[in-house]
Amino acid sequence: MDKVTRTPDYIFESSWEVCNKVGGIYTVLSTRAKTLQSVLKDRLIFIGPDCWHDTPCPYFEEDESLYGTWREAAAREGIAVRVGRWIVPGQPVAILVDFRPYFEKKNEIYGWLWEHYQVDSLHAYGDYDEASMFSYAAGLVVESFYKHNIPAGKKVVYQANEWMTGLGMLYINHQLPQIGTIFTTHATSIGRSIAGNQKPLYDYLFAYNGDQMAQELNMQSKHSIEKQSARYADCFTTVSDITANECRELLDKPVDVVLPNGFDNSFVPAPRSFAAKRKAARKCLLQVANALLGENLGDDTLIVSTSGRYEFRNKGVDVYIEAMNRLLRDKELKKTVVAFIEVPGWVGEPRQDLIDRLKSGKQYDTPLEVPQVTHWLHEMSHDNVLSMMKCYDMWNRKDDKVKVIFLPCYLDGKDGVLNMQYYDLVLGNDLCIYPSYYEPWGYTPLEAIAFKVPCITTDLAGFGLWVNKELGHSGEMEDGVKVIHRTDYNYSEVADTIKDTVARFSGFTPKEVTAARKKAESLSKKALWSEFIKYYYEAYDIALDKAEQRTSK
């Protein structure tokens, strides 16, 4: 890594997920904030969408004492903002901007975008307009703030996350050439789409033409803004080597720096309370399983889970079910397994019959109807998880040594059945399994090992590749992380390896389990933000250098 010579005086960073918890980028930004904020204080400013309007935002606390004069100036310029703190470690400054007023001039904005940057917005649909208007509003926020608050000569960086913030970054690139811009793609929209449409991504990556595939998959507008943002940013970045390869092939632009997703372990319970929290998590999971199944599974049950977004193939939910189905007939399995699938589906409501059983505190010896799911879903018959289990005749029968339970809700502590948050439940697992096909980084396995839970992942996940690189060999269960080699075509082999790994882990002695848990935890410490933040400073340096060159001409 080159020696960093320029560090920013101000950093603006925008994302659709600032103070808006909808995916993994929220975790990236909110856990990194504290590390940067400790250096920059209130000169680190996050910009997010004010999509809450009249409803209080649970992740944001308004503070009218912050930048009050500027807020009034912005209002006079027609920019409606709320300024406050993002309620995450470090409590950085956050500006939420109302982007609704810009919809009426969106054609004019898209015309400007085509004229200056050849971005094709003609084929926009779905969330493209909403994201673009927010992005434009974020650009106006930075322009106004810079004009009113930042003295000349200060080094300023604007970092835009994902295609949703590309328009604002291009606006700043045009209007404020003295600001260094960084564009970070956490996954290419076209790569995710190729994978999600059952097409082989990796073996044919060298042969795919990103523009052609965008046309075929009706992704022209998202692909176009992403490609032009990558091209015009002062520093183009992504989160892993595997996605860097994707960017080079599909966006025709190599990245300048890889910014691996670090981690802040402040929410991992302290050693003195860890055992009690783990015990409470296991008790909750087993109570729900027993009430649903009409069983009396004890603490020696092997609890495993997978979790993440409901991308059935990309996240490897399909191969997880396949592996559990094969495990049912595995003679090497030493314990009963309860395998949870924690991905938010189209939830209807929590099951009242299950809630009644849990409230009664009684032990039941007969299962509930449909003993595979904790919440009723809209269109149960069209759900991929339930359909695959039905196809494989997986009904969680009494004599089955593997029971698979679908938790199709956000584990936010208010789901009506478990009523515990994800981080309070994950540490109750014995093993977590994330056999992703498409996973630019992979926060879920990193979170699992931080909670001392060994996990299984693949080398198609950026995190899995990082583990192999860190260890100097393919991760094994004894290392705390088993990294399975996955390709476009070895689905069956992956399912067998998961099955064999779980069966082998079920026979680990308590001493071997403790050793694997310790290895998992120590590996997670190597992915803390304190280890990874140096890559961000490298990106800031590149962006500021380009801005300096541009303005000194």
Protein backbone atom coordinates (compact mmCIF):
# COMPACT_ATOMS: atom_id res chain seq x y z
CA MET A 1 0.00 0.00 0.00
CA ASP A 2 1.32 3.44 -0.95
CA LYS A 3 2.06 5.88 1.84
CA VAL A 4 -1.03 7.98 2.54
CA THR A 5 -0.17 11.68 2.32
CA ARG A 6 -3.57 13.38 2.24
CA THR A 7 -6.26 12.96 4.87
CA PRO A 8 -9.65 14.66 4.64
CA ASP A 9 -10.76 17.51 6.87
CA TYR A 10 -14.40 16.65 6.12
CA ILE A 11 -16.01 13.43 4.96
CA PHE A 12 -19.55 13.29 3.58
CA GLU A 13 -20.94 9.83 3.02
CA SER A 14 -24.33 9.04 1.52
CA SER A 15 -26.35 5.85 1.33
CA TRP A 16 -29.98 4.85 1.12
CA GLU A 17 -29.26 2.92 4.34
CA VAL A 18 -28.12 5.83 6.53
CA CYS A 19 -30.54 5.77 9.49
CA ASN A 20 -32.58 3.30 7.40
CA LYS A 21 -31.99 -0.34 8.32
CA VAL A 22 -32.83 -2.34 5.21
CA GLY A 23 -29.69 -4.36 4.46
CA GLY A 24 -26.03 -5.05 5.01
CA ILE A 25 -24.77 -1.58 4.02
CA TYR A 26 -26.41 -0.24 7.17
CA THR A 27 -24.07 -2.51 9.15
CA VAL A 28 -21.01 -1.47 7.12
CA LEU A 29 -21.56 2.25 7.66
CA SER A 30 -22.93 2.17 11.20
CA THR A 31 -20.12 -0.01 12.58
CA ARG A 32 -17.39 1.96 10.77
CA ALA A 33 -18.72 5.33 11.97
CA LYS A 34 -17.16 5.15 15.43
CA THR A 35 -13.64 4.50 14.08
CA LEU A 36 -13.77 7.53 11.75
CA GLN A 37 -15.71 9.73 14.16
CA SER A 38 -13.06 9.33 16.84
CA VAL A 39 -10.67 11.17 14.46
CA LEU A 40 -12.95 13.59 12.58
CA LYS A 41 -15.55 14.30 15.29
CA ASP A 42 -18.49 16.20 13.77
CA ARG A 43 -16.68 16.68 10.45
CA LEU A 44 -17.86 13.17 9.50
CA ILE A 45 -21.36 13.67 8.12
CA PHE A 46 -23.70 10.94 6.88
CA ILE A 47 -26.54 11.78 4.49
CA GLY A 48 -29.61 9.56 4.29
CA PRO A 49 -33.16 9.68 2.91
CA ASP A 50 -35.90 11.21 5.06
CA CYS A 51 -38.31 8.42 4.23
CA TRP A 52 -39.94 8.58 7.66
CA HIS A 53 -41.67 11.94 7.16
CA ASP A 54 -44.17 12.27 10.04
CA THR A 55 -43.16 8.99 11.70
CA PRO A 56 -40.28 9.08 14.21
CA CYS A 57 -37.16 7.37 12.84
CA PRO A 58 -35.94 4.79 15.39
CA TYR A 59 -32.31 5.19 14.26
CA PHE A 60 -32.09 8.98 14.31
CA GLU A 61 -32.28 11.68 16.96
CA GLU A 62 -32.79 15.24 15.79
CA ASP A 63 -30.55 17.89 17.34
CA GLU A 64 -31.55 21.45 16.52
CA SER A 65 -28.34 22.84 18.01
CA LEU A 66 -26.30 21.25 15.20
CA TYR A 67 -25.58 23.51 12.22
CA GLY A 68 -28.68 25.63 12.95
CA THR A 69 -27.62 28.60 10.80
CA TRP A 70 -26.92 26.36 7.83
CA ARG A 71 -30.23 24.55 8.24
CA GLU A 72 -32.02 27.88 7.88
CA ALA A 73 -29.91 28.76 4.83
CA ALA A 74 -30.71 25.36 3.27
CA ALA A 75 -34.43 25.94 3.88
CA ARG A 76 -34.21 29.28 2.06
CA GLU A 77 -32.61 27.40 -0.86
CA GLY A 78 -35.56 24.98 -0.86
CA ILE A 79 -33.65 22.05 0.71
CA ALA A 80 -35.64 20.41 3.53
CA VAL A 81 -33.36 18.62 5.99
CA ARG A 82 -33.35 17.28 9.52
CA VAL A 83 -29.99 17.34 11.29
CA GLY A 84 -29.13 15.15 14.24
CA ARG A 85 -27.31 12.03 15.36
CA TRP A 86 -27.35 8.51 13.99
CA ILE A 87 -28.08 6.29 17.00
CA VAL A 88 -25.11 3.94 16.57
CA PRO A 89 -21.75 3.71 18.38
CA GLY A 90 -19.99 7.09 18.05
CA GLN A 91 -23.30 8.89 17.34
CA PRO A 92 -22.05 10.64 14.18
CA VAL A 93 -23.83 13.60 12.60
CA ALA A 94 -26.56 12.55 10.18
CA ILE A 95 -28.53 14.71 7.77
CA LEU A 96 -31.84 13.29 6.52
CA VAL A 97 -33.04 15.02 3.36
CA ASP A 98 -36.58 15.13 1.98
CA PHE A 99 -36.24 14.15 -1.67
CA ARG A 100 -39.94 14.21 -2.63
CA PRO A 101 -39.93 17.79 -4.01
CA TYR A 102 -37.55 16.77 -6.82
CA PHE A 103 -39.86 14.26 -8.48
CA GLU A 104 -41.60 17.05 -10.39
CA LYS A 105 -38.33 17.98 -12.10
CA LYS A 106 -36.97 14.47 -12.56
CA ASN A 107 -37.08 14.62 -16.38
CA GLU A 108 -34.99 17.79 -16.31
CA ILE A 109 -32.52 16.11 -13.88
CA TYR A 110 -32.30 12.98 -16.06
CA GLY A 111 -31.76 15.21 -19.11
CA TRP A 112 -28.84 16.94 -17.35
CA LEU A 113 -27.45 13.52 -16.39
CA TRP A 114 -27.56 12.30 -19.99
CA GLU A 115 -26.08 15.50 -21.36
CA HIS A 116 -23.09 15.54 -18.99
CA TYR A 117 -22.50 11.87 -18.18
CA GLN A 118 -24.42 9.81 -20.79
CA VAL A 119 -26.45 8.00 -18.13
CA ASP A 120 -29.45 6.24 -19.68
CA SER A 121 -32.46 6.82 -17.40
CA LEU A 122 -35.04 6.06 -20.11
CA HIS A 123 -35.53 2.48 -18.97
CA ALA A 124 -36.01 3.33 -15.29
CA TYR A 125 -38.54 1.40 -13.22
CA GLY A 126 -39.11 0.30 -9.64
CA ASP A 127 -36.87 2.02 -7.12
CA TYR A 128 -34.73 3.87 -9.68
CA ASP A 129 -36.61 7.17 -9.50
CA GLU A 130 -36.85 7.22 -5.72
CA ALA A 131 -33.14 6.44 -5.27
CA SER A 132 -32.12 8.99 -7.93
CA MET A 133 -34.15 11.82 -6.42
CA PHE A 134 -32.64 11.09 -3.01
CA SER A 135 -29.17 11.01 -4.56
CA TYR A 136 -29.74 14.35 -6.30
CA ALA A 137 -31.02 15.85 -3.02
CA ALA A 138 -27.91 14.55 -1.20
CA GLY A 139 -25.75 16.31 -3.81
CA LEU A 140 -27.62 19.58 -3.17
CA VAL A 141 -27.09 19.14 0.59
CA VAL A 142 -23.32 18.83 0.15
CA GLU A 143 -23.20 21.77 -2.27
CA SER A 144 -25.10 24.00 0.16
CA PHE A 145 -23.17 22.85 3.24
CA TYR A 146 -19.85 23.35 1.48
CA LYS A 147 -20.80 26.86 0.38
CA HIS A 148 -21.94 27.97 3.85
CA ASN A 149 -19.76 26.06 6.30
CA ILE A 150 -16.43 24.90 4.89
CA PRO A 151 -13.51 27.33 4.64
CA ALA A 152 -11.57 27.46 1.37
CA GLY A 153 -8.62 25.11 1.16
CA LYS A 154 -10.11 22.37 3.36
CA LYS A 155 -9.76 18.83 2.02
CA VAL A 156 -13.22 17.32 1.48
CA VAL A 157 -14.26 13.83 0.39
CA TYR A 158 -17.68 12.62 -0.74
CA GLN A 159 -18.25 8.86 -0.63
CA ALA A 160 -21.27 7.43 -2.44
CA ASN A 161 -22.45 3.88 -1.74
CA GLU A 162 -24.10 1.79 -4.47
CA TRP A 163 -25.80 2.85 -7.71
CA MET A 164 -28.52 4.57 -5.66
CA THR A 165 -26.15 7.42 -4.79
CA GLY A 166 -24.35 7.71 -8.11
CA LEU A 167 -26.36 10.65 -9.46
CA GLY A 168 -25.47 12.86 -6.48
CA MET A 169 -21.82 11.92 -6.78
CA LEU A 170 -21.80 12.91 -10.46
CA TYR A 171 -23.54 16.18 -9.57
CA ILE A 172 -20.80 16.97 -7.03
CA ASN A 173 -18.13 15.93 -9.54
CA HIS A 174 -19.55 18.55 -11.91
CA GLN A 175 -20.44 21.36 -9.49
CA LEU A 176 -17.67 21.05 -6.91
CA PRO A 177 -14.52 19.78 -8.65
CA GLN A 178 -12.48 20.57 -5.52
CA ILE A 179 -14.22 17.72 -3.65
CA GLY A 180 -12.65 14.26 -4.02
CA THR A 181 -15.29 11.66 -4.90
CA ILE A 182 -15.35 7.95 -4.03
CA PHE A 183 -17.86 5.52 -5.50
CA THR A 184 -18.26 2.20 -3.68
CA THR A 185 -20.21 -0.65 -5.17
CA HIS A 186 -21.05 -3.34 -2.62
CA ALA A 187 -22.23 -5.64 -5.45
CA THR A 188 -22.73 -4.86 -9.11
CA SER A 189 -26.42 -4.65 -9.98
CA ILE A 190 -25.85 -6.64 -13.17
CA GLY A 191 -23.74 -9.35 -11.46
CA ARG A 192 -26.42 -9.86 -8.81
CA SER A 193 -29.05 -10.01 -11.55
CA ILE A 194 -27.12 -12.57 -13.63
CA ALA A 195 -26.72 -14.79 -10.54
CA GLY A 196 -30.33 -14.29 -9.43
CA ASN A 197 -31.61 -15.26 -12.89
CA GLN A 198 -30.01 -18.72 -12.63
CA LYS A 199 -27.27 -17.91 -15.12
CA PRO A 200 -23.69 -19.11 -14.46
CA LEU A 201 -21.75 -16.02 -13.40
CA TYR A 202 -18.19 -17.06 -12.65
CA ASP A 203 -17.11 -19.42 -15.43
CA TYR A 204 -18.46 -17.04 -18.06
CA LEU A 205 -17.54 -13.74 -16.41
CA PHE A 206 -14.75 -13.09 -18.93
CA ALA A 207 -17.22 -13.50 -21.81
CA TYR A 208 -20.15 -11.44 -20.49
CA ASN A 209 -20.67 -7.96 -21.87
CA GLY A 210 -22.18 -5.87 -19.05
CA ASP A 211 -24.14 -3.54 -21.39
CA GLN A 212 -25.56 -6.45 -23.38
CA MET A 213 -26.58 -8.35 -20.22
CA ALA A 214 -28.21 -5.21 -18.80
CA GLN A 215 -30.36 -5.02 -21.93
CA GLU A 216 -31.23 -8.71 -21.76
CA LEU A 217 -32.18 -8.53 -18.06
CA ASN A 218 -33.94 -5.14 -18.29
CA MET A 219 -31.35 -3.47 -16.04
CA GLN A 220 -30.14 -0.73 -18.42
CA SER A 221 -30.73 2.30 -16.17
CA LYS A 222 -29.25 0.88 -12.96
CA HIS A 223 -26.30 -0.53 -14.86
CA SER A 224 -25.77 2.76 -16.68
CA ILE A 225 -25.63 4.94 -13.54
CA GLU A 226 -23.36 2.40 -11.86
CA LYS A 227 -20.99 2.17 -14.82
CA GLN A 228 -20.71 5.94 -15.27
CA SER A 229 -20.27 6.51 -11.52
CA ALA A 230 -17.40 4.01 -11.54
CA ARG A 231 -15.89 5.74 -14.56
CA TYR A 232 -16.08 9.32 -13.30
CA ALA A 233 -15.38 8.84 -9.57
CA ASP A 234 -11.96 10.00 -8.43
CA CYS A 235 -11.59 6.68 -6.63
CA PHE A 236 -13.62 3.58 -7.52
CA THR A 237 -13.85 0.93 -4.80
CA THR A 238 -15.57 -2.31 -3.88
CA VAL A 239 -15.61 -4.66 -0.89
CA SER A 240 -13.72 -7.79 -1.96
CA ASP A 241 -11.36 -9.26 -4.53
CA ILE A 242 -14.15 -11.38 -6.01
CA THR A 243 -16.33 -8.32 -6.66
CA ALA A 244 -13.33 -6.37 -7.96
CA ASN A 245 -13.06 -9.01 -10.68
CA GLU A 246 -16.78 -8.60 -11.43
CA CYS A 247 -16.38 -4.79 -11.69
CA ARG A 248 -13.51 -5.12 -14.16
CA GLU A 249 -15.47 -7.46 -16.42
CA LEU A 250 -19.03 -6.05 -16.16
CA LEU A 251 -18.42 -2.32 -15.58
CA ASP A 252 -15.26 -2.19 -17.73
CA LYS A 253 -13.40 -0.42 -14.93
CA PRO A 254 -10.90 -1.90 -12.49
CA VAL A 255 -11.26 -0.71 -8.90
CA ASP A 256 -8.64 1.57 -7.36
CA VAL A 257 -8.86 0.09 -3.85
CA VAL A 258 -10.63 -2.88 -2.22
CA LEU A 259 -12.33 -1.79 1.01
CA PRO A 260 -13.09 -4.97 2.98
CA ASN A 261 -16.05 -4.71 5.35
CA GLY A 262 -14.77 -4.42 8.88
CA PHE A 263 -16.62 -4.94 12.05
CA ASP A 264 -17.22 -3.27 15.40
CA ASN A 265 -17.64 -5.81 18.19
CA SER A 266 -19.07 -3.40 20.77
CA PHE A 267 -22.45 -5.16 20.59
CA VAL A 268 -20.95 -8.58 21.43
CA PRO A 269 -21.82 -9.26 25.10
CA ALA A 270 -19.01 -8.90 27.64
CA PRO A 271 -17.56 -12.22 28.91
CA ARG A 272 -19.37 -11.89 32.25
CA SER A 273 -22.82 -11.81 30.59
CA PHE A 274 -22.07 -13.91 27.48
CA ALA A 275 -22.93 -17.33 28.97
CA ALA A 276 -26.27 -16.08 30.35
CA LYS A 277 -27.19 -14.49 27.02
CA ARG A 278 -26.29 -17.67 25.12
CA LYS A 279 -28.38 -19.73 27.52
CA ALA A 280 -31.36 -17.37 27.08
CA ALA A 281 -31.05 -17.55 23.27
CA ARG A 282 -30.95 -21.36 23.26
CA LYS A 283 -33.90 -21.54 25.63
CA CYS A 284 -35.97 -19.27 23.37
CA LEU A 285 -35.08 -21.17 20.17
CA LEU A 286 -35.77 -24.58 21.73
CA GLN A 287 -39.06 -23.45 23.30
CA VAL A 288 -40.32 -22.29 19.90
CA ALA A 289 -39.09 -25.50 18.23
CA ASN A 290 -40.70 -27.73 20.89
CA ALA A 291 -44.02 -25.89 20.82
CA LEU A 292 -44.14 -26.06 17.01
CA LEU A 293 -43.01 -29.68 16.73
CA GLY A 294 -44.67 -31.15 19.86
CA GLU A 295 -41.29 -32.41 21.04
CA ASN A 296 -39.07 -32.17 24.11
CA LEU A 297 -35.69 -31.34 22.59
CA GLY A 298 -33.07 -30.62 25.25
CA ASP A 299 -29.96 -28.47 25.41
CA ASP A 300 -27.84 -31.20 23.79
CA THR A 301 -29.69 -30.50 20.51
CA LEU A 302 -27.40 -29.14 17.79
CA ILE A 303 -28.84 -25.75 16.80
CA VAL A 304 -27.80 -24.53 13.34
CA SER A 305 -29.07 -21.66 11.23
CA THR A 306 -28.73 -19.68 8.05
CA SER A 307 -29.82 -16.05 7.70
CA GLY A 308 -29.74 -12.99 5.48
CA ARG A 309 -31.80 -11.55 2.63
CA TYR A 310 -34.33 -13.82 0.94
CA GLU A 311 -32.26 -14.49 -2.17
CA PHE A 312 -33.00 -18.17 -2.50
CA ARG A 313 -30.13 -19.13 -4.78
CA ASN A 314 -27.66 -16.28 -4.22
CA LYS A 315 -27.57 -16.75 -0.43
CA GLY A 316 -27.49 -20.54 -0.76
CA VAL A 317 -30.81 -21.18 1.00
CA ASP A 318 -31.56 -23.86 -1.61
CA VAL A 319 -28.33 -25.78 -0.97
CA TYR A 320 -28.82 -25.41 2.81
CA ILE A 321 -32.21 -27.19 2.58
CA GLU A 322 -30.66 -29.78 0.24
CA ALA A 323 -27.90 -30.46 2.77
CA MET A 324 -30.37 -30.80 5.68
CA ASN A 325 -32.45 -33.21 3.62
CA ARG A 326 -29.38 -35.39 2.98
CA LEU A 327 -28.38 -35.13 6.64
CA LEU A 328 -31.68 -36.82 7.57
CA ARG A 329 -30.26 -40.08 6.25
CA ASP A 330 -26.66 -39.65 7.43
CA LYS A 331 -25.53 -42.48 9.71
CA GLU A 332 -22.65 -40.34 11.09
CA LEU A 333 -24.96 -37.76 12.71
CA LYS A 334 -24.52 -38.00 16.48
CA LYS A 335 -27.16 -35.50 17.65
CA THR A 336 -30.63 -34.27 16.79
CA VAL A 337 -30.38 -31.11 14.68
CA VAL A 338 -32.76 -28.14 14.63
CA ALA A 339 -31.94 -26.12 11.53
CA PHE A 340 -33.42 -22.61 11.37
CA ILE A 341 -33.85 -20.56 8.20
CA GLU A 342 -33.93 -16.91 9.29
CA VAL A 343 -34.73 -14.97 6.13
CA PRO A 344 -37.55 -12.40 5.94
CA GLY A 345 -40.31 -13.63 3.63
CA TRP A 346 -43.70 -12.16 2.76
CA VAL A 347 -45.01 -12.43 6.32
CA GLY A 348 -48.73 -12.38 7.00
CA GLU A 349 -48.91 -12.69 10.77
CA PRO A 350 -47.40 -14.61 13.70
CA ARG A 351 -49.13 -17.98 14.29
CA GLN A 352 -51.68 -17.64 17.07
CA ASP A 353 -51.71 -21.40 17.70
CA LEU A 354 -47.94 -21.27 18.30
CA ILE A 355 -48.22 -18.18 20.54
CA ASP A 356 -50.94 -19.92 22.60
CA ARG A 357 -48.73 -22.95 23.12
CA LEU A 358 -45.77 -20.80 24.15
CA LYS A 359 -47.91 -18.83 26.61
CA SER A 360 -49.36 -21.98 28.20
CA GLY A 361 -45.90 -23.18 29.27
CA LYS A 362 -47.10 -26.79 28.80
CA GLN A 363 -45.26 -29.55 27.01
CA TYR A 364 -47.00 -30.95 23.94
CA ASP A 365 -46.51 -34.28 22.21
CA THR A 366 -48.28 -33.53 18.92
CA PRO A 367 -47.02 -31.11 16.26
CA LEU A 368 -48.97 -28.11 15.04
CA GLU A 369 -50.30 -28.09 11.51
CA VAL A 370 -47.49 -27.14 9.08
CA PRO A 371 -44.71 -27.62 11.69
CA GLN A 372 -42.07 -26.00 9.47
CA VAL A 373 -42.94 -22.31 9.85
CA THR A 374 -43.40 -19.89 12.77
CA HIS A 375 -45.42 -17.18 10.97
CA TRP A 376 -48.14 -17.49 8.36
CA LEU A 377 -47.08 -16.18 4.96
CA HIS A 378 -48.98 -14.54 2.15
CA GLU A 379 -49.19 -17.08 -0.69
CA MET A 380 -47.75 -20.00 1.29
CA SER A 381 -47.97 -22.25 -1.76
CA HIS A 382 -45.63 -19.99 -3.74
CA ASP A 383 -42.90 -19.69 -1.11
CA ASN A 384 -39.56 -21.17 -2.24
CA VAL A 385 -38.50 -22.51 1.18
CA LEU A 386 -41.81 -24.25 1.92
CA SER A 387 -42.10 -25.51 -1.66
CA MET A 388 -38.66 -27.12 -1.58
CA MET A 389 -39.35 -28.74 1.80
CA LYS A 390 -42.68 -30.06 0.50
CA CYS A 391 -40.99 -31.37 -2.64
CA TYR A 392 -38.48 -33.28 -0.46
CA ASP A 393 -41.22 -34.55 1.87
CA MET A 394 -39.61 -32.76 4.83
CA TRP A 395 -42.38 -32.58 7.46
CA ASN A 396 -40.34 -32.59 10.69
CA ARG A 397 -41.66 -35.99 11.74
CA LYS A 398 -41.09 -37.35 15.25
CA ASP A 399 -38.39 -39.80 14.18
CA ASP A 400 -36.54 -37.30 11.94
CA LYS A 401 -33.14 -36.45 13.41
CA VAL A 402 -33.10 -33.16 11.49
CA LYS A 403 -35.91 -30.63 11.92
CA VAL A 404 -35.97 -27.57 9.63
CA ILE A 405 -37.86 -24.48 10.83
CA PHE A 406 -38.48 -21.36 8.76
CA LEU A 407 -38.48 -18.03 10.66
CA PRO A 408 -39.70 -15.75 7.85
CA CYS A 409 -39.68 -12.51 9.87
CA TYR A 410 -37.28 -9.68 10.67
CA LEU A 411 -35.76 -10.58 14.02
CA ASP A 412 -36.22 -7.09 15.44
CA GLY A 413 -37.54 -8.13 18.86
CA LYS A 414 -41.14 -7.45 17.82
CA ASP A 415 -42.03 -10.39 15.58
CA GLY A 416 -44.75 -11.76 17.90
CA VAL A 417 -43.24 -15.22 18.44
CA LEU A 418 -39.56 -15.10 19.43
CA ASN A 419 -39.54 -11.40 20.34
CA MET A 420 -35.75 -11.33 20.50
CA GLN A 421 -33.36 -9.38 18.28
CA TYR A 422 -31.07 -11.16 15.81
CA TYR A 423 -27.89 -10.34 17.74
CA ASP A 424 -29.48 -11.73 20.92
CA LEU A 425 -30.35 -14.98 19.13
CA VAL A 426 -27.34 -15.68 16.90
CA LEU A 427 -25.09 -16.55 19.85
CA GLY A 428 -27.48 -19.42 20.75
CA ASN A 429 -26.40 -21.36 17.66
CA ASP A 430 -23.84 -24.17 17.72
CA LEU A 431 -23.08 -23.68 14.03
CA CYS A 432 -24.08 -21.15 11.35
CA ILE A 433 -24.18 -22.05 7.66
CA TYR A 434 -23.94 -19.52 4.81
CA PRO A 435 -23.31 -21.43 1.56
CA SER A 436 -23.61 -18.37 -0.69
CA TYR A 437 -23.40 -18.48 -4.47
CA TYR A 438 -23.30 -14.69 -4.80
CA GLU A 439 -21.92 -12.79 -1.80
CA PRO A 440 -19.59 -9.82 -2.38
CA TRP A 441 -18.51 -9.81 1.27
CA GLY A 442 -20.66 -11.68 3.80
CA TYR A 443 -21.44 -10.01 7.10
CA THR A 444 -23.50 -12.86 8.51
CA PRO A 445 -20.57 -15.29 8.87
CA LEU A 446 -18.37 -12.52 10.29
CA GLU A 447 -21.05 -11.67 12.86
CA ALA A 448 -21.44 -15.35 13.74
CA ILE A 449 -17.76 -15.88 14.54
CA ALA A 450 -17.66 -12.63 16.54
CA PHE A 451 -20.30 -14.29 18.75
CA LYS A 452 -18.02 -17.36 19.01
CA VAL A 453 -20.21 -19.46 16.71
CA PRO A 454 -18.18 -21.52 14.19
CA CYS A 455 -19.57 -21.27 10.68
CA ILE A 456 -19.57 -22.72 7.19
CA THR A 457 -19.28 -20.42 4.16
CA THR A 458 -17.94 -20.64 0.60
CA ASP A 459 -15.08 -19.20 -1.43
CA LEU A 460 -17.60 -17.38 -3.63
CA ALA A 461 -18.12 -15.05 -0.65
CA GLY A 462 -15.59 -12.26 -0.17
CA PHE A 463 -15.41 -13.17 3.51
CA GLY A 464 -14.64 -16.82 2.69
CA LEU A 465 -11.78 -15.77 0.40
CA TRP A 466 -10.47 -13.44 3.11
CA VAL A 467 -10.50 -16.31 5.65
CA ASN A 468 -8.51 -18.56 3.31
CA LYS A 469 -6.01 -15.75 2.69
CA GLU A 470 -5.71 -15.01 6.42
CA LEU A 471 -5.21 -18.69 7.33
CA GLY A 472 -2.96 -19.54 4.40
CA HIS A 473 -5.14 -22.57 3.58
CA SER A 474 -8.81 -23.46 3.05
CA GLY A 475 -10.64 -22.93 6.33
CA GLU A 476 -11.68 -26.05 8.25
CA MET A 477 -14.07 -26.51 11.18
CA GLU A 478 -11.11 -26.62 13.56
CA ASP A 479 -10.20 -23.08 12.38
CA GLY A 480 -13.63 -21.80 13.39
CA VAL A 481 -14.68 -21.32 9.74
CA LYS A 482 -15.12 -24.06 7.15
CA VAL A 483 -14.72 -22.58 3.65
CA ILE A 484 -16.24 -24.79 0.95
CA HIS A 485 -15.05 -24.50 -2.64
CA ARG A 486 -18.06 -23.51 -4.73
CA THR A 487 -18.40 -23.08 -8.50
CA ASP A 488 -21.21 -22.52 -10.98
CA TYR A 489 -21.81 -26.25 -11.23
CA ASN A 490 -20.91 -28.11 -8.00
CA TYR A 491 -24.20 -27.59 -6.09
CA SER A 492 -24.50 -31.28 -5.17
CA GLU A 493 -20.93 -31.49 -3.95
CA VAL A 494 -21.48 -28.37 -1.77
CA ALA A 495 -24.61 -29.93 -0.25
CA ASP A 496 -22.68 -33.12 0.55
CA THR A 497 -19.80 -31.17 2.11
CA ILE A 498 -22.22 -29.23 4.35
CA LYS A 499 -23.91 -32.50 5.36
CA ASP A 500 -20.57 -34.18 6.13
CA THR A 501 -19.29 -31.13 8.04
CA VAL A 502 -22.39 -30.90 10.26
CA ALA A 503 -22.28 -34.66 10.91
CA ARG A 504 -18.59 -34.46 11.84
CA PHE A 505 -19.15 -31.40 14.03
CA SER A 506 -21.94 -33.27 15.87
CA GLY A 507 -19.25 -35.71 17.04
CA PHE A 508 -16.82 -33.05 18.32
CA THR A 509 -15.87 -33.45 21.98
CA PRO A 510 -16.65 -30.49 24.30
CA LYS A 511 -12.93 -29.66 24.20
CA GLU A 512 -12.91 -29.61 20.37
CA VAL A 513 -16.04 -27.42 20.30
CA THR A 514 -14.46 -24.94 22.74
CA ALA A 515 -11.28 -24.82 20.65
CA ALA A 516 -13.28 -24.14 17.44
CA ARG A 517 -15.27 -21.40 19.22
CA LYS A 518 -12.08 -19.73 20.43
CA LYS A 519 -10.53 -19.88 16.94
CA ALA A 520 -13.71 -18.35 15.47
CA GLU A 521 -13.61 -15.46 17.91
CA SER A 522 -9.90 -14.73 17.41
CA LEU A 523 -10.36 -14.78 13.61
CA SER A 524 -13.15 -12.18 13.92
CA LYS A 525 -10.77 -9.84 15.77
CA LYS A 526 -8.62 -9.68 12.61
CA ALA A 527 -11.58 -8.14 10.77
CA LEU A 528 -12.19 -5.26 13.17
CA TRP A 529 -12.42 -1.78 11.68
CA SER A 530 -9.18 -0.89 13.46
CA GLU A 531 -7.51 -3.39 11.09
CA PHE A 532 -9.34 -2.39 7.89
CA ILE A 533 -9.72 1.40 8.16
CA LYS A 534 -6.29 1.91 6.57
CA TYR A 535 -7.77 0.94 3.18
CA TYR A 536 -10.27 3.81 3.47
CA TYR A 537 -7.48 6.29 4.11
CA GLU A 538 -5.80 5.01 0.96
CA ALA A 539 -9.04 5.70 -0.97
CA TYR A 540 -9.34 9.18 0.56
CA ASP A 541 -5.76 9.93 -0.49
CA ILE A 542 -6.41 8.87 -4.10
CA ALA A 543 -9.63 10.92 -4.30
CA LEU A 544 -8.04 14.05 -2.79
CA ASP A 545 -5.02 13.75 -5.07
CA LYS A 546 -7.27 13.67 -8.17
CA ALA A 547 -9.28 16.65 -6.89
CA GLU A 548 -6.06 18.55 -6.23
CA GLN A 549 -4.76 17.84 -9.73
CA ARG A 550 -8.07 18.88 -11.26
CA THR A 551 -8.30 22.22 -9.45
CA SER A 552 -4.65 23.18 -9.84
CA LYS A 553 -4.85 23.13 -13.65
